[in-house]
Each structure stands twice: as structure tokens, then as C-alpha cells.
């Protein structure tokens, strides 16, 4: 692999629907991804949120665990649309 080859960031199967739901409520969403870095940066009502999207029973990998432990701020693991909305302060009934 050459030094110019980009590593492909794998996206969990539920990420697209979660992003669409966040945007539907007026949030701005930027895909981050990287070695351990959470998947999404979400802006909503003047606040920023970091979201790690995981499908069903998937767990954090070693790089993600290390990043989460070392991060001094907020990061939420979300698996569903409801999880994502709750992480940004929207409670659904």
C-alpha cells in the first residue's frame, strides 16, 4: 500500500437513516470518521455532539475504545434513531 492510499472508513448500516433523521429535525451533520474518532459531529440548537454509530450488537474497536477513554468531552454511542435524537436532547414518546 502506498503512502497515498486512503483507508476507507467503514460505515455501519444504520448510519444513513440516523443522519437523515437528525437532519429532519434541523440538526447539521458532518461525517468525521478516522482511527478511533466518532462517526458524526452534530450541531443542534447551538450545541455540538459527537456520535459513534454502531449497528445492533457491534462493539467499539480497540482504536475507538482508546479514543473514547482519552477524550475529555462528550461522546455518545447510538444504535437507533431514538438513541441519536435522545443524545441531542430530543425525547420521543
Protein backbone atom coordinates (compact mmCIF):
# COMPACT_ATOMS: atom_id res chain seq x y z
CA UNK A 1 0.00 0.00 0.00
CA UNK A 2 1.48 3.35 -0.95
CA UNK A 3 1.64 6.22 1.47
CA UNK A 4 -1.02 7.97 -0.64
CA UNK A 5 -3.60 5.23 -0.32
CA UNK A 6 -6.56 6.35 1.76
CA UNK A 7 -8.07 3.97 4.24
CA UNK A 8 -11.78 3.56 3.69
CA UNK A 9 -13.92 4.45 6.69
CA UNK A 10 -16.49 1.74 7.22
CA UNK A 11 -19.99 3.00 7.83
CA UNK A 12 -22.48 0.97 9.84
CA UNK A 13 -25.68 0.04 8.00
CA UNK A 14 -27.86 2.26 10.20
CA UNK A 15 -25.82 5.45 9.81
CA UNK A 16 -27.64 6.76 6.74
CA UNK A 17 -31.08 6.59 8.38
CA UNK A 18 -29.76 8.14 11.59
CA UNK A 19 -28.20 11.03 9.66
CA UNK A 20 -31.46 11.58 7.74
CA UNK A 21 -33.48 11.65 10.98
CA UNK A 22 -31.08 14.14 12.59
CA UNK A 23 -31.27 16.42 9.56
CA UNK A 24 -35.08 16.11 9.54
CA UNK A 25 -35.24 17.73 12.99
CA UNK A 26 -32.96 20.58 11.90
CA UNK A 27 -29.55 19.31 13.02
CA UNK A 28 -26.46 19.78 10.90
CA UNK A 29 -24.40 16.64 10.50
CA UNK A 30 -20.81 16.18 9.42
CA UNK A 31 -19.26 12.77 8.90
CA UNK A 32 -15.91 12.52 10.66
CA UNK A 33 -14.52 9.02 10.85
CA UNK A 34 -10.91 8.18 11.32
CA UNK A 35 -8.83 5.96 13.51
CA UNK A 36 -10.98 5.86 16.64
CA UNK A 37 -12.70 9.21 16.02
CA UNK A 38 -16.52 9.17 16.36
CA UNK A 39 -18.56 8.91 13.17
CA UNK A 40 -20.61 12.09 13.38
CA UNK A 41 -20.30 15.68 14.51
CA UNK A 42 -23.82 17.02 15.06
CA UNK A 43 -24.80 20.63 15.63
CA UNK A 44 -28.22 21.30 17.15
CA UNK A 45 -29.63 24.42 18.81
CA UNK A 46 -26.18 25.94 19.33
CA UNK A 47 -24.54 22.84 20.79
CA UNK A 48 -22.19 20.24 19.33
CA UNK A 49 -22.43 16.50 19.84
CA UNK A 50 -20.14 13.63 18.92
CA UNK A 51 -21.94 10.43 17.99
CA UNK A 52 -20.47 6.99 17.41
CA UNK A 53 -22.92 4.98 15.31
CA UNK A 54 -22.96 1.25 15.97
CA UNK A 55 -25.19 -1.37 14.40
CA UNK A 56 -27.18 -3.61 16.72
CA UNK A 57 -24.71 -5.54 18.88
CA UNK A 58 -21.43 -4.26 17.45
CA UNK A 59 -18.87 -3.00 19.96
CA UNK A 60 -16.23 -0.34 19.87
CA UNK A 61 -12.97 -1.47 18.31
CA UNK A 62 -9.62 -1.03 20.08
CA UNK A 63 -8.94 2.36 18.46
CA UNK A 64 -12.41 3.64 19.34
CA UNK A 65 -12.14 2.48 22.95
CA UNK A 66 -8.79 4.25 23.31
CA UNK A 67 -10.17 7.45 21.77
CA UNK A 68 -13.29 7.43 23.97
CA UNK A 69 -11.25 6.90 27.15
CA UNK A 70 -8.84 9.71 26.26
CA UNK A 71 -11.47 12.21 25.15
CA UNK A 72 -12.24 14.90 27.73
CA UNK A 73 -15.65 15.78 26.32
CA UNK A 74 -18.98 14.28 25.35
CA UNK A 75 -19.39 11.31 23.02
CA UNK A 76 -22.46 9.09 22.73
CA UNK A 77 -22.82 5.64 21.22
CA UNK A 78 -26.06 5.42 19.24
CA UNK A 79 -27.66 2.40 17.63
CA UNK A 80 -31.10 3.72 16.68
CA UNK A 81 -32.78 6.92 15.55
CA UNK A 82 -34.28 7.23 19.04
CA UNK A 83 -30.79 6.95 20.59
CA UNK A 84 -29.47 9.68 18.30
CA UNK A 85 -32.37 12.04 18.97
CA UNK A 86 -32.05 11.48 22.71
CA UNK A 87 -28.29 12.17 22.51
CA UNK A 88 -29.03 15.65 21.14
CA UNK A 89 -31.74 16.33 23.69
CA UNK A 90 -34.91 15.30 21.86
CA UNK A 91 -37.10 12.89 23.77
CA UNK A 92 -39.52 10.87 21.65
CA UNK A 93 -42.56 9.12 23.09
